[in-house]
């Protein structure tokens, strides 16, 4: 049996973390509960998680005192502990004893000194793990939702074959995948290349039910005034317009066009084709840099500054639309008529959303639980497009391996209703692409 000491950020990231360490002892420092209590009035995911863990602990204490320890169903033992006299003996020199992080470290050191089994500090705070290591403590990140980003699914693959098979791909409209040595995921985007003449190639998507690579249906499409500028964007447009795919994820660095493509597809499906009742757009409200604080006005007035990147993209797309039948339609009128709706994530919980085209932007700043909450709101006839850059994270509790976007791609990979592509080439401007490449 091992002893795991959990940091506050672990519980705020996943309130079910206390049930993950089966057959081991879980220790929650009392100061962690103080920090949990300070977050309970927040209206975001952090506040929800703090209330959730408090309810779980309140239920567990009915079985036995949390000070003595409560036996969990997974054979784990959960305790809340504080030992003031021992902490004063082991508190590291040079660390402020008033800081909660340092109190957690001191308790972990105390437990290490009195126990025969390994004591491991679990924290999502990098600095905390560094300090723990410097003090000789075993420490680790919380890895329940961890994704190996070095081997992350890109949604695309290259298949080299002979000239005849590529010719047959175009004439017959398929390439039987069983004849290759490759194993493809459902809806994986495939570039078929002639091994003797690389310029002789084709683009397709693997269809798992037919066990064949089929040509893209939406090539050279004018999508609300824009066209694909590279191969990955062609893959993206094809998936966005494919009604059999109920959920599509687009990942890419700034300027690759992921948000613009998603919005263009949404406008096409909702306004031009009238396949969905509404275009619902949402994104996490996390400021970059110093928060500007309180904003005056009603909900819409508070939300609009945070949604400005979406508004800018929508305004740009409407400037490209020159079809006569849409000449009298403006972005403002569509928003007023609730055909396009910019919504805060806070208001999605508890809703059932049928027959809508939903775009979730900047999803790398969402936790796995938040992603689950959004997707489980989808009713019949709804399509969800989720975009983001898993290397550009502003949420302090997340990283490139543990955010909801990468978690979603990894878990949905292999589902017949799911499609994914990683956009590589920046198309915003030569300056933006160079900045994304050169600046850390």
Protein backbone atom coordinates (compact mmCIF):
# COMPACT_ATOMS: atom_id res chain seq x y z
CA UNK A 1 0.00 0.00 0.00
CA UNK A 2 1.17 3.52 -0.82
CA UNK A 3 0.18 6.83 0.74
CA UNK A 4 -0.91 9.57 -1.67
CA UNK A 5 -1.08 13.15 -0.40
CA UNK A 6 -3.36 15.17 -2.69
CA UNK A 7 -2.83 18.85 -3.46
CA UNK A 8 -5.81 21.22 -3.71
CA UNK A 9 -5.49 21.62 -7.48
CA UNK A 10 -5.99 17.88 -8.00
CA UNK A 11 -9.43 18.00 -6.36
CA UNK A 12 -10.40 21.21 -8.18
CA UNK A 13 -9.41 19.56 -11.46
CA UNK A 14 -11.21 16.26 -10.73
CA UNK A 15 -13.45 15.98 -7.65
CA UNK A 16 -13.50 12.19 -8.14
CA UNK A 17 -9.73 11.98 -7.62
CA UNK A 18 -10.23 10.53 -4.13
CA UNK A 19 -11.74 7.41 -5.72
CA UNK A 20 -8.95 6.82 -8.25
CA UNK A 21 -6.16 5.45 -6.02
CA UNK A 22 -7.50 1.96 -5.42
CA UNK A 23 -5.94 -0.23 -2.70
CA UNK A 24 -3.96 2.74 -1.32
CA UNK A 25 -4.20 5.36 1.40
CA UNK A 26 -5.32 8.86 0.37
CA UNK A 27 -4.46 11.75 2.69
CA UNK A 28 -6.08 15.17 2.38
CA UNK A 29 -4.30 17.84 4.45
CA UNK A 30 -6.76 19.92 6.46
CA UNK A 31 -5.37 23.09 4.85
CA UNK A 32 -6.47 21.70 1.48
CA UNK A 33 -10.04 21.61 2.75
CA UNK A 34 -9.66 25.27 3.74
CA UNK A 35 -8.69 26.13 0.17
CA UNK A 36 -11.55 24.03 -1.19
CA UNK A 37 -13.95 25.97 1.04
CA UNK A 38 -12.68 29.30 -0.34
CA UNK A 39 -13.69 28.28 -3.87
CA UNK A 40 -17.20 26.99 -3.22
CA UNK A 41 -19.05 30.20 -4.15
CA UNK A 42 -17.51 30.48 -7.60
CA UNK A 43 -19.96 29.96 -10.47
CA UNK A 44 -17.47 28.27 -12.80
CA UNK A 45 -16.13 24.71 -13.02
CA UNK A 46 -13.73 25.29 -10.13
CA UNK A 47 -16.63 26.26 -7.87
CA UNK A 48 -18.67 23.30 -9.03
CA UNK A 49 -15.81 20.91 -8.31
CA UNK A 50 -15.21 22.38 -4.85
CA UNK A 51 -18.86 21.83 -3.96
CA UNK A 52 -18.79 18.34 -5.45
CA UNK A 53 -15.79 17.20 -3.39
CA UNK A 54 -17.34 18.73 -0.25
CA UNK A 55 -20.54 16.73 -0.80
CA UNK A 56 -18.57 13.53 -1.40
CA UNK A 57 -16.59 13.98 1.82
CA UNK A 58 -19.73 14.85 3.78
CA UNK A 59 -21.31 11.60 2.58
CA UNK A 60 -18.20 9.55 3.41
CA UNK A 61 -17.90 10.90 6.95
CA UNK A 62 -21.26 9.30 7.77
CA UNK A 63 -19.54 5.91 7.52
CA UNK A 64 -16.68 6.82 9.85
CA UNK A 65 -14.62 9.73 11.10
CA UNK A 66 -12.45 11.22 8.34
CA UNK A 67 -9.74 11.73 10.97
CA UNK A 68 -9.60 7.99 11.66
CA UNK A 69 -10.07 7.07 8.01
CA UNK A 70 -12.94 5.90 5.81
CA UNK A 71 -12.74 2.68 3.82
CA UNK A 72 -13.65 3.20 0.16
CA UNK A 73 -15.32 0.72 -2.18
CA UNK A 74 -12.09 0.33 -4.17
CA UNK A 75 -10.29 -0.84 -0.98
CA UNK A 76 -8.67 2.55 -0.55
CA UNK A 77 -8.51 4.38 2.78
CA UNK A 78 -9.26 8.11 2.89
CA UNK A 79 -8.10 10.36 5.75
CA UNK A 80 -7.96 14.08 6.53
CA UNK A 81 -4.87 14.83 8.59
CA UNK A 82 -2.99 17.64 10.30
CA UNK A 83 -0.22 17.32 12.89
CA UNK A 84 0.88 20.77 14.10
CA UNK A 85 3.61 19.60 16.50
CA UNK A 86 5.21 17.35 13.90
CA UNK A 87 5.03 20.04 11.21
CA UNK A 88 7.10 22.43 13.29
CA UNK A 89 9.82 19.79 13.57
CA UNK A 90 10.08 19.02 9.86
CA UNK A 91 9.19 22.34 8.28
CA UNK A 92 11.90 23.12 5.70
CA UNK A 93 14.10 26.11 6.43
CA UNK A 94 13.48 29.04 4.11
CA UNK A 95 9.86 28.24 3.30
CA UNK A 96 7.01 30.43 4.55
CA UNK A 97 4.99 28.34 7.04
CA UNK A 98 1.89 30.45 6.35
CA UNK A 99 1.63 29.26 2.76
CA UNK A 100 -0.68 26.33 2.20
CA UNK A 101 1.63 24.72 -0.38
CA UNK A 102 4.44 24.63 2.18
CA UNK A 103 2.14 23.20 4.84
CA UNK A 104 1.23 20.38 2.44
CA UNK A 105 4.93 19.72 1.79
CA UNK A 106 5.66 19.65 5.51
CA UNK A 107 2.86 17.16 6.15
CA UNK A 108 4.13 14.93 3.33
CA UNK A 109 7.62 15.03 4.87
CA UNK A 110 6.16 14.17 8.27
CA UNK A 111 4.30 11.16 6.83
CA UNK A 112 7.45 10.05 5.02
CA UNK A 113 9.33 10.02 8.34
CA UNK A 114 6.75 7.96 10.25
CA UNK A 115 5.57 5.49 7.60
CA UNK A 116 7.23 2.40 6.19
CA UNK A 117 5.36 2.54 2.90
CA UNK A 118 6.07 5.03 0.08
CA UNK A 119 4.56 8.53 0.48
CA UNK A 120 3.76 10.29 -2.81
CA UNK A 121 2.66 13.88 -3.24
CA UNK A 122 0.21 14.33 -6.14
CA UNK A 123 -0.03 17.85 -7.57
CA UNK A 124 -0.82 19.52 -10.86
CA UNK A 125 1.35 22.47 -9.85
CA UNK A 126 4.76 22.19 -11.54
CA UNK A 127 6.47 24.40 -8.96
CA UNK A 128 5.02 22.31 -6.16
CA UNK A 129 6.43 19.14 -7.72
CA UNK A 130 9.84 20.77 -8.12
CA UNK A 131 9.92 21.82 -4.44
CA UNK A 132 8.80 18.35 -3.38
CA UNK A 133 11.57 16.76 -5.40
CA UNK A 134 14.13 19.14 -3.87
CA UNK A 135 12.98 18.03 -0.42
CA UNK A 136 13.43 14.37 -1.27
CA UNK A 137 9.73 13.60 -1.63
CA UNK A 138 8.26 11.30 -4.23
CA UNK A 139 5.92 13.40 -6.37
CA UNK A 140 3.83 13.02 -9.51
CA UNK A 141 1.28 14.76 -11.66
CA UNK A 142 -2.34 13.63 -11.56
CA UNK A 143 -2.56 11.50 -14.67
CA UNK A 144 -6.10 10.16 -14.84
CA UNK A 145 -6.87 12.08 -18.05
CA UNK A 146 -3.31 12.26 -19.37
CA UNK A 147 -2.73 11.99 -23.11
CA UNK A 148 0.59 11.22 -24.76
CA UNK A 149 0.88 14.35 -26.93
CA UNK A 150 4.14 13.09 -28.48
CA UNK A 151 2.12 10.31 -30.15
CA UNK A 152 -1.10 12.27 -30.45
CA UNK A 153 -3.63 11.27 -33.11
CA UNK A 154 -3.47 13.81 -35.96
CA UNK A 155 -6.45 12.49 -37.88
CA UNK A 156 -4.38 12.07 -41.05
CA UNK A 157 -2.05 9.52 -42.63
CA UNK A 158 -0.08 9.04 -45.85
CA UNK A 159 -0.43 5.86 -47.88
CA UNK A 160 2.15 5.12 -50.58
CA UNK A 161 0.99 2.83 -53.36
CA UNK A 162 1.44 2.15 -57.07
CA UNK A 163 0.17 4.14 -60.05
CA UNK A 164 -2.52 1.65 -61.01
CA UNK A 165 -4.17 1.71 -57.59
CA UNK A 166 -4.33 5.50 -57.58
CA UNK A 167 -5.90 5.45 -61.02
CA UNK A 168 -8.43 2.90 -59.79
CA UNK A 169 -9.11 5.12 -56.77
CA UNK A 170 -10.36 7.82 -59.14
CA UNK A 171 -12.15 5.59 -61.65
CA UNK A 172 -13.84 3.30 -59.10
CA UNK A 173 -14.29 5.88 -56.36
CA UNK A 174 -12.65 3.76 -53.67
CA UNK A 175 -9.49 2.01 -52.58
CA UNK A 176 -9.97 -1.18 -50.60
CA UNK A 177 -7.98 -0.67 -47.41
CA UNK A 178 -7.72 -4.40 -46.65
CA UNK A 179 -5.23 -4.64 -49.51
CA UNK A 180 -2.76 -2.46 -47.58
CA UNK A 181 -0.61 -3.20 -44.57
CA UNK A 182 -2.03 -0.15 -42.76
CA UNK A 183 -4.77 -0.10 -40.14
CA UNK A 184 -6.82 3.08 -40.26
CA UNK A 185 -9.11 4.67 -37.72
CA UNK A 186 -12.72 5.36 -38.76
CA UNK A 187 -12.90 8.65 -40.70
CA UNK A 188 -9.13 9.03 -40.76
CA UNK A 189 -8.05 11.38 -43.56
CA UNK A 190 -5.71 9.72 -46.05
CA UNK A 191 -3.32 11.17 -48.61
CA UNK A 192 -2.68 8.48 -51.24
CA UNK A 193 0.68 9.01 -52.97
CA UNK A 194 2.22 7.31 -55.99
CA UNK A 195 5.55 6.00 -54.70
CA UNK A 196 7.14 6.50 -58.15
CA UNK A 197 5.56 9.90 -58.82
CA UNK A 198 4.73 11.81 -55.60
CA UNK A 199 2.85 14.52 -57.54
CA UNK A 200 0.35 11.84 -58.56
CA UNK A 201 -1.82 11.62 -55.47
CA UNK A 202 -5.35 11.62 -54.12
CA UNK A 203 -7.23 12.67 -50.98
CA UNK A 204 -9.72 10.44 -49.25
CA UNK A 205 -11.23 9.41 -45.95
CA UNK A 206 -11.40 5.90 -44.52
CA UNK A 207 -14.89 4.46 -44.26
CA UNK A 208 -14.90 1.72 -41.64
CA UNK A 209 -18.21 0.17 -42.68
CA UNK A 210 -17.03 -0.29 -46.29
CA UNK A 211 -13.43 -0.96 -45.23
CA UNK A 212 -12.30 1.36 -48.01
CA UNK A 213 -10.81 4.80 -48.57
CA UNK A 214 -13.39 6.97 -50.34
CA UNK A 215 -12.65 10.25 -52.17
CA UNK A 216 -13.52 13.50 -50.42
CA UNK A 217 -17.01 14.70 -51.31
CA UNK A 218 -16.43 18.39 -50.68
CA UNK A 219 -13.42 19.36 -52.78
CA UNK A 220 -13.03 22.90 -54.16
CA UNK A 221 -16.12 23.97 -52.22
CA UNK A 222 -16.82 27.67 -51.73
CA UNK A 223 -17.66 27.65 -48.05
CA UNK A 224 -19.45 30.93 -47.31
CA UNK A 225 -16.96 32.80 -49.47
CA UNK A 226 -13.78 30.93 -48.52
CA UNK A 227 -11.91 27.98 -50.04
CA UNK A 228 -9.39 25.54 -48.63
CA UNK A 229 -5.81 26.76 -48.96
CA UNK A 230 -4.08 23.52 -48.07
CA UNK A 231 -4.64 19.78 -47.76
CA UNK A 232 -5.59 19.80 -44.08
CA UNK A 233 -8.18 22.51 -44.66
CA UNK A 234 -9.70 20.36 -47.44
CA UNK A 235 -9.97 17.49 -44.98
CA UNK A 236 -11.54 19.84 -42.42
CA UNK A 237 -14.16 21.22 -44.82
CA UNK A 238 -15.12 17.72 -45.96
CA UNK A 239 -15.74 16.62 -42.37
CA UNK A 240 -17.54 19.82 -41.41
CA UNK A 241 -20.01 19.34 -44.26
CA UNK A 242 -20.47 15.60 -43.69
CA UNK A 243 -23.77 15.13 -41.86
CA UNK A 244 -22.82 11.61 -40.76
CA UNK A 245 -20.16 13.08 -38.46
CA UNK A 246 -21.88 14.43 -35.37
CA UNK A 247 -18.69 15.65 -33.73
CA UNK A 248 -15.61 17.13 -35.41
CA UNK A 249 -12.46 18.44 -33.74
CA UNK A 250 -10.02 20.86 -35.35
CA UNK A 251 -6.65 21.42 -33.67
CA UNK A 252 -3.99 23.83 -34.86
CA UNK A 253 -1.78 26.75 -33.95
CA UNK A 254 -2.96 30.34 -34.31
CA UNK A 255 -3.74 31.30 -37.88
CA UNK A 256 -4.38 27.83 -39.30
CA UNK A 257 -8.04 28.70 -39.92
CA UNK A 258 -9.73 26.31 -37.51
CA UNK A 259 -12.22 28.83 -36.08
CA UNK A 260 -12.88 30.51 -39.43
CA UNK A 261 -13.60 27.17 -41.12
CA UNK A 262 -15.91 26.09 -38.32
CA UNK A 263 -17.87 29.35 -38.47
CA UNK A 264 -18.09 29.26 -42.27
CA UNK A 265 -19.45 25.70 -42.11
CA UNK A 266 -21.92 26.73 -39.42
CA UNK A 267 -23.23 29.64 -41.49
CA UNK A 268 -23.51 27.40 -44.54
CA UNK A 269 -25.42 24.68 -42.72
CA UNK A 270 -27.70 27.00 -40.72
CA UNK A 271 -28.41 29.92 -43.04
CA UNK A 272 -27.71 28.73 -46.57
CA UNK A 273 -28.82 25.09 -46.34
CA UNK A 274 -31.25 25.54 -43.40
CA UNK A 275 -30.28 22.14 -42.00
CA UNK A 276 -30.09 23.34 -38.38
CA UNK A 277 -32.31 25.71 -36.42
CA UNK A 278 -29.51 27.71 -34.85
CA UNK A 279 -25.76 28.35 -34.81
CA UNK A 280 -24.64 28.26 -31.17
CA UNK A 281 -21.11 29.49 -30.46
CA UNK A 282 -19.39 29.30 -27.10
CA UNK A 283 -15.92 29.49 -25.60
CA UNK A 284 -14.41 29.42 -22.09
CA UNK A 285 -14.16 32.86 -20.51
CA UNK A 286 -10.50 32.89 -19.47
CA UNK A 287 -8.58 36.17 -19.89
CA UNK A 288 -5.11 36.30 -21.43
CA UNK A 289 -2.84 38.42 -19.26
CA UNK A 290 -4.24 40.48 -16.39
CA UNK A 291 -7.99 40.20 -15.97
CA UNK A 292 -9.81 43.49 -16.59
CA UNK A 293 -12.20 42.64 -13.78
CA UNK A 294 -15.88 43.55 -13.49
CA UNK A 295 -17.72 44.53 -16.67
CA UNK A 296 -20.90 46.63 -16.50
CA UNK A 297 -24.20 45.82 -18.18
CA UNK A 298 -26.37 42.76 -18.72
CA UNK A 299 -25.15 39.25 -19.58
CA UNK A 300 -24.77 40.07 -23.27
CA UNK A 301 -22.77 43.22 -22.54
CA UNK A 302 -20.46 41.30 -20.20
CA UNK A 303 -20.01 38.47 -22.69
CA UNK A 304 -19.33 40.40 -25.90
CA UNK A 305 -15.75 41.57 -25.08
CA UNK A 306 -14.80 37.95 -24.37
CA UNK A 307 -16.41 36.82 -27.63
CA UNK A 308 -14.81 39.54 -29.76
CA UNK A 309 -12.59 37.09 -31.72
CA UNK A 310 -15.75 35.22 -32.76
CA UNK A 311 -17.52 38.45 -33.71
CA UNK A 312 -14.52 39.55 -35.78
CA UNK A 313 -14.50 36.27 -37.71
CA UNK A 314 -18.25 36.40 -38.30
CA UNK A 315 -18.04 40.00 -39.54
CA UNK A 316 -15.25 38.99 -41.93
CA UNK A 317 -17.27 36.07 -43.29
CA UNK A 318 -20.30 38.27 -43.89
CA UNK A 319 -18.10 40.69 -45.82
CA UNK A 320 -17.24 37.81 -48.18
CA UNK A 321 -20.85 36.76 -48.81
CA UNK A 322 -22.13 38.31 -52.06
CA UNK A 323 -25.09 36.07 -52.95
CA UNK A 324 -28.12 38.23 -53.72
CA UNK A 325 -30.49 36.20 -51.56
CA UNK A 326 -28.42 37.05 -48.49
CA UNK A 327 -27.93 40.75 -49.35
CA UNK A 328 -30.53 41.91 -46.81
CA UNK A 329 -29.24 39.68 -44.01
CA UNK A 330 -26.81 41.13 -41.48
CA UNK A 331 -24.93 39.55 -38.63
CA UNK A 332 -26.70 41.84 -36.16
CA UNK A 333 -30.15 40.79 -37.38
CA UNK A 334 -29.26 37.09 -37.11
CA UNK A 335 -28.07 37.62 -33.53
CA UNK A 336 -31.21 39.62 -32.70
CA UNK A 337 -33.39 36.86 -34.15
CA UNK A 338 -31.47 34.23 -32.13
CA UNK A 339 -30.44 32.36 -35.28
CA UNK A 340 -26.83 32.97 -34.26
CA UNK A 341 -26.31 32.79 -30.52
CA UNK A 342 -23.12 33.62 -28.61
CA UNK A 343 -23.41 31.82 -25.30
CA UNK A 344 -21.34 31.55 -22.14
CA UNK A 345 -20.45 27.99 -21.15
CA UNK A 346 -22.00 28.61 -17.74
CA UNK A 347 -25.47 28.65 -19.29
CA UNK A 348 -25.14 25.38 -21.23
CA UNK A 349 -25.17 23.07 -18.22
CA UNK A 350 -28.56 21.41 -17.79
CA UNK A 351 -29.83 22.25 -21.27
CA UNK A 352 -30.88 19.86 -24.02
CA UNK A 353 -29.87 21.27 -27.41
CA UNK A 354 -31.48 19.59 -30.44
CA UNK A 355 -31.10 20.49 -34.14
CA UNK A 356 -28.31 23.01 -33.66
CA UNK A 357 -24.82 23.52 -35.06
CA UNK A 358 -22.61 24.07 -32.00
CA UNK A 359 -19.10 25.48 -32.11
CA UNK A 360 -16.91 25.29 -29.01
CA UNK A 361 -13.84 27.49 -29.52
CA UNK A 362 -10.61 27.52 -27.46
CA UNK A 363 -11.53 24.14 -26.02
CA UNK A 364 -7.98 23.53 -24.78
CA UNK A 365 -8.95 25.65 -21.75
CA UNK A 366 -11.71 23.21 -20.77
CA UNK A 367 -11.36 20.29 -18.38
CA UNK A 368 -12.35 16.77 -19.47
CA UNK A 369 -15.46 17.10 -17.30
CA UNK A 370 -16.47 20.38 -18.96
CA UNK A 371 -16.06 18.81 -22.39
CA UNK A 372 -18.27 15.93 -21.28
CA UNK A 373 -20.87 18.38 -19.95
CA UNK A 374 -21.06 20.19 -23.29
CA UNK A 375 -21.24 17.10 -25.49
CA UNK A 376 -23.88 15.42 -23.35
CA UNK A 377 -26.13 18.46 -23.95
CA UNK A 378 -26.43 17.60 -27.65
CA UNK A 379 -29.90 16.48 -28.65
CA UNK A 380 -31.12 14.77 -31.82
CA UNK A 381 -29.92 16.38 -35.04
CA UNK A 382 -27.16 18.44 -33.38
CA UNK A 383 -23.61 18.66 -34.70
CA UNK A 384 -20.71 19.82 -32.52
CA UNK A 385 -17.45 21.29 -33.80
CA UNK A 386 -14.68 21.75 -31.23
CA UNK A 387 -11.58 23.81 -31.98
CA UNK A 388 -8.42 24.74 -30.12
CA UNK A 389 -4.66 24.65 -29.78
CA UNK A 390 -3.52 22.25 -27.07
CA UNK A 391 -0.18 24.07 -26.73
CA UNK A 392 -1.78 27.45 -25.94
CA UNK A 393 -3.43 26.99 -22.56
CA UNK A 394 -4.46 29.77 -20.19
CA UNK A 395 -6.20 27.61 -17.58
CA UNK A 396 -3.79 27.19 -14.62
CA UNK A 397 -5.11 23.71 -13.82
CA UNK A 398 -4.48 22.27 -17.30
CA UNK A 399 -1.60 21.44 -19.62
CA UNK A 400 -1.18 20.05 -23.13
CA UNK A 401 -1.60 16.49 -21.84
CA UNK A 402 -4.58 16.88 -19.50
CA UNK A 403 -6.96 19.37 -21.11
CA UNK A 404 -10.41 18.44 -22.35
CA UNK A 405 -9.60 18.87 -26.05
CA UNK A 406 -6.82 16.27 -26.21
CA UNK A 407 -8.76 14.00 -23.86
CA UNK A 408 -11.77 14.15 -26.19
CA UNK A 409 -9.75 13.34 -29.32
CA UNK A 410 -8.04 10.40 -27.64
CA UNK A 411 -11.28 8.94 -26.27
CA UNK A 412 -13.42 9.48 -29.38
CA UNK A 413 -10.78 8.17 -31.77
CA UNK A 414 -12.30 5.09 -33.37
CA UNK A 415 -15.93 6.25 -33.17
CA UNK A 416 -17.85 6.19 -36.46
CA UNK A 417 -19.52 9.57 -35.81
CA UNK A 418 -16.25 11.36 -35.00
CA UNK A 419 -13.76 13.13 -37.26
CA UNK A 420 -10.52 14.93 -36.44
CA UNK A 421 -7.76 16.80 -38.23
CA UNK A 422 -4.70 18.67 -37.02
CA UNK A 423 -4.17 21.82 -39.08
CA UNK A 424 -0.50 22.55 -39.66
CA UNK A 425 0.05 25.44 -42.04
CA UNK A 426 -0.75 29.00 -40.94
CA UNK A 427 -2.88 30.89 -43.45
CA UNK A 428 -3.76 34.09 -41.58
CA UNK A 429 -0.80 36.02 -42.99
CA UNK A 430 2.93 35.46 -43.62
CA UNK A 431 3.64 37.54 -40.51
CA UNK A 432 1.32 35.49 -38.28
CA UNK A 433 2.77 32.22 -39.54
CA UNK A 434 6.34 33.40 -38.98
CA UNK A 435 5.48 34.62 -35.47
CA UNK A 436 3.87 31.27 -34.58
CA UNK A 437 6.98 29.47 -35.82
CA UNK A 438 9.71 31.68 -34.33
CA UNK A 439 8.31 33.10 -31.11
CA UNK A 440 8.10 30.86 -28.03
